[in-house]
Amino acid sequence: MKLITAIIRETQLDKVREALIEADIKRITVCRVSGHGQQRVEEMYRGQIIVPDLIPKIKIEIAVNESFVDITVNTILKSARTNGPEGSVGDGKIFITPLEQCIRIRTGEKGGSAI
């Protein structure tokens, strides 16, 4: 089991969610987060150009069995990119971490069947 965490642009959420549903991945968790990396956004505030320290993003978390890891990652990669196949700075990141245990609260099921 793996936990796939993707940080994407807010504008790409609907596109990514729809692509995941088409790929038969329907159980996701979505959170609004803020952060900064290489992306630089300038905004106008009271006549002055400012660069905010933290840029709003979306964090998607998906727990999957081993057989769905590549499908999930490739779906996110294709749907979260902006400006064609090469993408652009600020499109986001995907993290894949081992998931030690998953327990369904309602039934007590454990492991891959609980996902």
N, C-alpha and C. Protein backbone atom coordinates (compact mmCIF):
# COMPACT_ATOMS: atom_id res chain seq x y z
N MET A 1 0.84 -1.18 0.00
CA MET A 1 0.00 0.00 0.00
C MET A 1 0.89 1.24 0.00
N LYS A 2 0.42 2.27 -0.69
CA LYS A 2 1.15 3.53 -0.79
C LYS A 2 0.21 4.69 -0.54
N LEU A 3 0.77 5.77 -0.05
CA LEU A 3 0.03 7.02 0.09
C LEU A 3 0.61 7.99 -0.92
N ILE A 4 -0.21 8.41 -1.86
CA ILE A 4 0.22 9.35 -2.89
C ILE A 4 -0.29 10.73 -2.51
N THR A 5 0.63 11.67 -2.38
CA THR A 5 0.30 13.05 -2.04
C THR A 5 0.71 13.93 -3.20
N ALA A 6 -0.22 14.70 -3.71
CA ALA A 6 0.07 15.61 -4.82
C ALA A 6 -0.27 17.03 -4.40
N ILE A 7 0.65 17.95 -4.67
CA ILE A 7 0.42 19.37 -4.44
C ILE A 7 0.26 19.97 -5.84
N ILE A 8 -0.91 20.55 -6.12
CA ILE A 8 -1.19 21.06 -7.47
C ILE A 8 -1.75 22.48 -7.40
N ARG A 9 -1.86 23.10 -8.56
CA ARG A 9 -2.49 24.42 -8.65
C ARG A 9 -3.98 24.31 -8.34
N GLU A 10 -4.53 25.35 -7.73
CA GLU A 10 -5.97 25.36 -7.42
C GLU A 10 -6.81 25.23 -8.69
N THR A 11 -6.35 25.84 -9.77
CA THR A 11 -7.12 25.83 -11.00
C THR A 11 -7.19 24.46 -11.67
N GLN A 12 -6.32 23.55 -11.28
CA GLN A 12 -6.26 22.23 -11.92
C GLN A 12 -7.07 21.17 -11.15
N LEU A 13 -7.65 21.53 -10.02
CA LEU A 13 -8.32 20.53 -9.19
C LEU A 13 -9.42 19.79 -9.92
N ASP A 14 -10.33 20.51 -10.57
CA ASP A 14 -11.44 19.83 -11.25
C ASP A 14 -10.95 18.89 -12.35
N LYS A 15 -9.96 19.34 -13.10
CA LYS A 15 -9.42 18.52 -14.18
C LYS A 15 -8.78 17.24 -13.62
N VAL A 16 -8.01 17.37 -12.54
CA VAL A 16 -7.35 16.21 -11.93
C VAL A 16 -8.39 15.27 -11.33
N ARG A 17 -9.37 15.81 -10.64
CA ARG A 17 -10.41 14.98 -10.01
C ARG A 17 -11.19 14.19 -11.06
N GLU A 18 -11.58 14.85 -12.15
CA GLU A 18 -12.31 14.16 -13.21
C GLU A 18 -11.46 13.08 -13.87
N ALA A 19 -10.17 13.35 -14.07
CA ALA A 19 -9.28 12.35 -14.67
C ALA A 19 -9.11 11.15 -13.74
N LEU A 20 -9.03 11.39 -12.43
CA LEU A 20 -8.90 10.29 -11.48
C LEU A 20 -10.17 9.42 -11.47
N ILE A 21 -11.32 10.06 -11.55
CA ILE A 21 -12.58 9.31 -11.58
C ILE A 21 -12.64 8.44 -12.84
N GLU A 22 -12.21 8.99 -13.98
CA GLU A 22 -12.17 8.21 -15.22
C GLU A 22 -11.22 7.02 -15.12
N ALA A 23 -10.15 7.17 -14.33
CA ALA A 23 -9.19 6.09 -14.14
C ALA A 23 -9.63 5.13 -13.03
N ASP A 24 -10.88 5.26 -12.57
CA ASP A 24 -11.46 4.41 -11.53
C ASP A 24 -10.82 4.60 -10.16
N ILE A 25 -10.35 5.82 -9.88
CA ILE A 25 -9.81 6.17 -8.57
C ILE A 25 -10.77 7.19 -8.00
N LYS A 26 -11.60 6.74 -7.05
CA LYS A 26 -12.70 7.58 -6.59
C LYS A 26 -12.57 8.03 -5.14
N ARG A 27 -11.64 7.49 -4.41
CA ARG A 27 -11.50 7.85 -3.00
C ARG A 27 -10.28 8.74 -2.81
N ILE A 28 -10.54 10.04 -2.67
CA ILE A 28 -9.45 11.00 -2.50
C ILE A 28 -9.78 11.95 -1.35
N THR A 29 -8.74 12.56 -0.81
CA THR A 29 -8.89 13.59 0.20
C THR A 29 -8.26 14.86 -0.35
N VAL A 30 -8.95 15.99 -0.21
CA VAL A 30 -8.48 17.26 -0.75
C VAL A 30 -8.40 18.29 0.37
N CYS A 31 -7.28 19.03 0.42
CA CYS A 31 -7.10 20.10 1.40
C CYS A 31 -6.53 21.33 0.71
N ARG A 32 -6.89 22.48 1.23
CA ARG A 32 -6.26 23.72 0.76
C ARG A 32 -5.01 23.96 1.59
N VAL A 33 -3.89 24.22 0.92
CA VAL A 33 -2.62 24.46 1.60
C VAL A 33 -1.95 25.68 0.98
N SER A 34 -0.91 26.17 1.63
CA SER A 34 -0.11 27.27 1.10
C SER A 34 1.35 26.89 1.19
N GLY A 35 2.14 27.37 0.25
CA GLY A 35 3.56 27.08 0.27
C GLY A 35 4.29 27.89 -0.77
N HIS A 36 5.57 27.64 -0.89
CA HIS A 36 6.34 28.31 -1.94
C HIS A 36 7.48 27.41 -2.38
N GLY A 37 7.82 27.57 -3.62
CA GLY A 37 8.92 26.82 -4.23
C GLY A 37 9.59 27.74 -5.23
N GLN A 38 9.71 27.30 -6.48
CA GLN A 38 10.34 28.12 -7.50
C GLN A 38 9.36 29.09 -8.15
N GLN A 39 8.06 28.84 -7.98
CA GLN A 39 7.05 29.69 -8.62
C GLN A 39 7.09 31.09 -8.02
N ARG A 40 7.04 32.09 -8.88
CA ARG A 40 7.04 33.49 -8.43
C ARG A 40 5.80 34.17 -9.00
N VAL A 41 4.97 34.68 -8.11
CA VAL A 41 3.73 35.36 -8.51
C VAL A 41 3.79 36.79 -7.99
N GLU A 42 3.59 37.74 -8.88
CA GLU A 42 3.56 39.14 -8.48
C GLU A 42 2.11 39.61 -8.46
N GLU A 43 1.74 40.35 -7.43
CA GLU A 43 0.40 40.90 -7.31
C GLU A 43 0.49 42.40 -7.08
N MET A 44 -0.55 43.09 -7.47
CA MET A 44 -0.62 44.54 -7.27
C MET A 44 -1.47 44.79 -6.02
N TYR A 45 -0.92 45.53 -5.05
CA TYR A 45 -1.65 45.86 -3.84
C TYR A 45 -1.42 47.34 -3.54
N ARG A 46 -2.49 48.12 -3.57
CA ARG A 46 -2.43 49.56 -3.31
C ARG A 46 -1.36 50.25 -4.16
N GLY A 47 -1.32 49.87 -5.42
CA GLY A 47 -0.41 50.52 -6.36
C GLY A 47 1.03 50.02 -6.32
N GLN A 48 1.31 49.05 -5.47
CA GLN A 48 2.67 48.51 -5.39
C GLN A 48 2.67 47.04 -5.76
N ILE A 49 3.73 46.63 -6.41
CA ILE A 49 3.88 45.22 -6.76
C ILE A 49 4.46 44.49 -5.55
N ILE A 50 3.77 43.43 -5.14
CA ILE A 50 4.27 42.62 -4.02
C ILE A 50 4.37 41.16 -4.48
N VAL A 51 5.25 40.42 -3.82
CA VAL A 51 5.40 39.00 -4.09
C VAL A 51 5.03 38.27 -2.79
N PRO A 52 3.87 37.58 -2.77
CA PRO A 52 3.47 36.90 -1.54
C PRO A 52 4.44 35.78 -1.18
N ASP A 53 4.65 35.59 0.12
CA ASP A 53 5.55 34.53 0.59
C ASP A 53 4.96 33.15 0.34
N LEU A 54 3.64 33.02 0.53
CA LEU A 54 2.99 31.72 0.40
C LEU A 54 1.92 31.78 -0.69
N ILE A 55 1.94 30.79 -1.55
CA ILE A 55 1.00 30.72 -2.67
C ILE A 55 -0.02 29.63 -2.37
N PRO A 56 -1.32 29.91 -2.54
CA PRO A 56 -2.33 28.88 -2.29
C PRO A 56 -2.24 27.74 -3.29
N LYS A 57 -2.33 26.52 -2.78
CA LYS A 57 -2.29 25.30 -3.59
C LYS A 57 -3.34 24.33 -3.07
N ILE A 58 -3.45 23.20 -3.73
CA ILE A 58 -4.35 22.12 -3.32
C ILE A 58 -3.51 20.89 -3.04
N LYS A 59 -3.79 20.22 -1.92
CA LYS A 59 -3.11 18.95 -1.61
C LYS A 59 -4.12 17.82 -1.74
N ILE A 60 -3.77 16.84 -2.55
CA ILE A 60 -4.61 15.66 -2.75
C ILE A 60 -3.89 14.47 -2.15
N GLU A 61 -4.58 13.70 -1.33
CA GLU A 61 -4.02 12.47 -0.76
C GLU A 61 -4.86 11.29 -1.20
N ILE A 62 -4.18 10.25 -1.68
CA ILE A 62 -4.86 9.06 -2.17
C ILE A 62 -4.12 7.84 -1.65
N ALA A 63 -4.82 6.99 -0.92
CA ALA A 63 -4.25 5.71 -0.48
C ALA A 63 -4.61 4.67 -1.53
N VAL A 64 -3.58 3.97 -2.05
CA VAL A 64 -3.82 2.99 -3.11
C VAL A 64 -3.06 1.70 -2.83
N ASN A 65 -3.55 0.62 -3.41
CA ASN A 65 -2.81 -0.64 -3.42
C ASN A 65 -1.71 -0.53 -4.47
N GLU A 66 -0.72 -1.41 -4.38
CA GLU A 66 0.45 -1.35 -5.27
C GLU A 66 0.07 -1.30 -6.75
N SER A 67 -0.96 -2.03 -7.14
CA SER A 67 -1.33 -2.11 -8.56
C SER A 67 -1.88 -0.79 -9.11
N PHE A 68 -2.27 0.15 -8.25
CA PHE A 68 -2.84 1.42 -8.70
C PHE A 68 -1.86 2.58 -8.63
N VAL A 69 -0.63 2.34 -8.16
CA VAL A 69 0.33 3.44 -7.99
C VAL A 69 0.64 4.11 -9.33
N ASP A 70 1.07 3.34 -10.32
CA ASP A 70 1.44 3.92 -11.61
C ASP A 70 0.26 4.60 -12.30
N ILE A 71 -0.90 3.98 -12.24
CA ILE A 71 -2.10 4.56 -12.85
C ILE A 71 -2.41 5.91 -12.22
N THR A 72 -2.36 5.97 -10.91
CA THR A 72 -2.67 7.20 -10.19
C THR A 72 -1.67 8.30 -10.50
N VAL A 73 -0.38 7.98 -10.43
CA VAL A 73 0.67 8.97 -10.68
C VAL A 73 0.59 9.49 -12.11
N ASN A 74 0.45 8.60 -13.08
CA ASN A 74 0.38 9.03 -14.48
C ASN A 74 -0.85 9.89 -14.75
N THR A 75 -1.97 9.56 -14.12
CA THR A 75 -3.19 10.36 -14.28
C THR A 75 -3.00 11.76 -13.74
N ILE A 76 -2.38 11.87 -12.57
CA ILE A 76 -2.13 13.20 -11.98
C ILE A 76 -1.15 13.98 -12.84
N LEU A 77 -0.09 13.32 -13.30
CA LEU A 77 0.91 14.00 -14.14
C LEU A 77 0.27 14.60 -15.39
N LYS A 78 -0.54 13.82 -16.06
CA LYS A 78 -1.15 14.28 -17.31
C LYS A 78 -2.16 15.40 -17.08
N SER A 79 -2.94 15.30 -16.03
CA SER A 79 -4.04 16.26 -15.82
C SER A 79 -3.64 17.51 -15.05
N ALA A 80 -2.54 17.49 -14.32
CA ALA A 80 -2.15 18.65 -13.51
C ALA A 80 -1.22 19.61 -14.25
N ARG A 81 -0.63 19.15 -15.34
CA ARG A 81 0.29 20.01 -16.10
C ARG A 81 -0.45 21.15 -16.80
N THR A 82 0.21 22.30 -16.85
CA THR A 82 -0.31 23.42 -17.61
C THR A 82 0.66 23.70 -18.76
N ASN A 83 0.19 24.40 -19.76
CA ASN A 83 1.03 24.79 -20.91
C ASN A 83 1.59 23.60 -21.68
N GLY A 84 0.78 22.60 -21.91
CA GLY A 84 1.19 21.49 -22.78
C GLY A 84 2.03 20.45 -22.08
N PRO A 85 2.67 19.57 -22.87
CA PRO A 85 3.38 18.43 -22.30
C PRO A 85 4.62 18.80 -21.48
N GLU A 86 5.19 19.99 -21.71
CA GLU A 86 6.39 20.36 -20.96
C GLU A 86 6.06 20.95 -19.60
N GLY A 87 4.84 21.42 -19.38
CA GLY A 87 4.41 21.99 -18.11
C GLY A 87 5.06 23.34 -17.87
N SER A 88 4.86 23.87 -16.67
CA SER A 88 5.48 25.14 -16.31
C SER A 88 5.78 25.15 -14.81
N VAL A 89 6.63 26.09 -14.41
CA VAL A 89 7.02 26.20 -13.01
C VAL A 89 5.77 26.43 -12.17
N GLY A 90 5.63 25.70 -11.07
CA GLY A 90 4.48 25.86 -10.18
C GLY A 90 3.38 24.85 -10.40
N ASP A 91 3.58 23.90 -11.33
CA ASP A 91 2.55 22.88 -11.57
C ASP A 91 2.40 21.93 -10.39
N GLY A 92 3.42 21.78 -9.57
CA GLY A 92 3.28 20.99 -8.35
C GLY A 92 4.26 19.85 -8.23
N LYS A 93 3.99 18.99 -7.25
CA LYS A 93 4.84 17.84 -6.96
C LYS A 93 3.96 16.66 -6.56
N ILE A 94 4.52 15.45 -6.71
CA ILE A 94 3.86 14.23 -6.26
C ILE A 94 4.83 13.49 -5.34
N PHE A 95 4.34 13.08 -4.19
CA PHE A 95 5.14 12.32 -3.23
C PHE A 95 4.49 10.95 -3.05
N ILE A 96 5.31 9.90 -3.04
CA ILE A 96 4.81 8.54 -2.83
C ILE A 96 5.50 7.99 -1.59
N THR A 97 4.69 7.65 -0.59
CA THR A 97 5.25 7.13 0.66
C THR A 97 4.61 5.78 0.99
N PRO A 98 5.37 4.91 1.65
CA PRO A 98 4.79 3.63 2.05
C PRO A 98 3.69 3.85 3.08
N LEU A 99 2.65 3.06 2.99
CA LEU A 99 1.53 3.13 3.92
C LEU A 99 1.55 1.85 4.74
N GLU A 100 1.87 1.97 6.00
CA GLU A 100 2.05 0.80 6.84
C GLU A 100 0.76 0.04 7.09
N GLN A 101 -0.31 0.77 7.38
CA GLN A 101 -1.56 0.10 7.73
C GLN A 101 -2.74 1.00 7.38
N CYS A 102 -3.83 0.39 7.00
CA CYS A 102 -5.07 1.11 6.74
C CYS A 102 -6.19 0.33 7.43
N ILE A 103 -7.00 1.02 8.21
CA ILE A 103 -8.09 0.37 8.94
C ILE A 103 -9.37 1.13 8.66
N ARG A 104 -10.38 0.42 8.20
CA ARG A 104 -11.69 1.02 7.97
C ARG A 104 -12.40 1.07 9.33
N ILE A 105 -12.76 2.26 9.77
CA ILE A 105 -13.36 2.44 11.10
C ILE A 105 -14.69 1.71 11.22
N ARG A 106 -15.53 1.80 10.21
CA ARG A 106 -16.87 1.22 10.27
C ARG A 106 -16.83 -0.29 10.50
N THR A 107 -15.97 -1.02 9.77
CA THR A 107 -15.99 -2.49 9.83
C THR A 107 -14.79 -3.10 10.55
N GLY A 108 -13.74 -2.31 10.73
CA GLY A 108 -12.53 -2.85 11.33
C GLY A 108 -11.62 -3.56 10.34
N GLU A 109 -12.00 -3.57 9.05
CA GLU A 109 -11.17 -4.19 8.01
C GLU A 109 -9.78 -3.57 8.05
N LYS A 110 -8.76 -4.39 7.73
CA LYS A 110 -7.39 -3.88 7.72
C LYS A 110 -6.72 -4.21 6.39
N GLY A 111 -5.70 -3.42 6.06
CA GLY A 111 -4.90 -3.68 4.87
C GLY A 111 -5.53 -3.15 3.60
N GLY A 112 -5.15 -3.77 2.47
CA GLY A 112 -5.57 -3.33 1.15
C GLY A 112 -7.07 -3.35 0.94
N SER A 113 -7.76 -4.24 1.58
CA SER A 113 -9.23 -4.31 1.39
C SER A 113 -9.93 -3.11 2.06
N ALA A 114 -9.26 -2.47 3.02
CA ALA A 114 -9.86 -1.31 3.69
C ALA A 114 -9.76 -0.05 2.84
N ILE A 115 -8.88 -0.07 1.85
CA ILE A 115 -8.72 1.10 0.99
C ILE A 115 -9.90 1.16 0.06
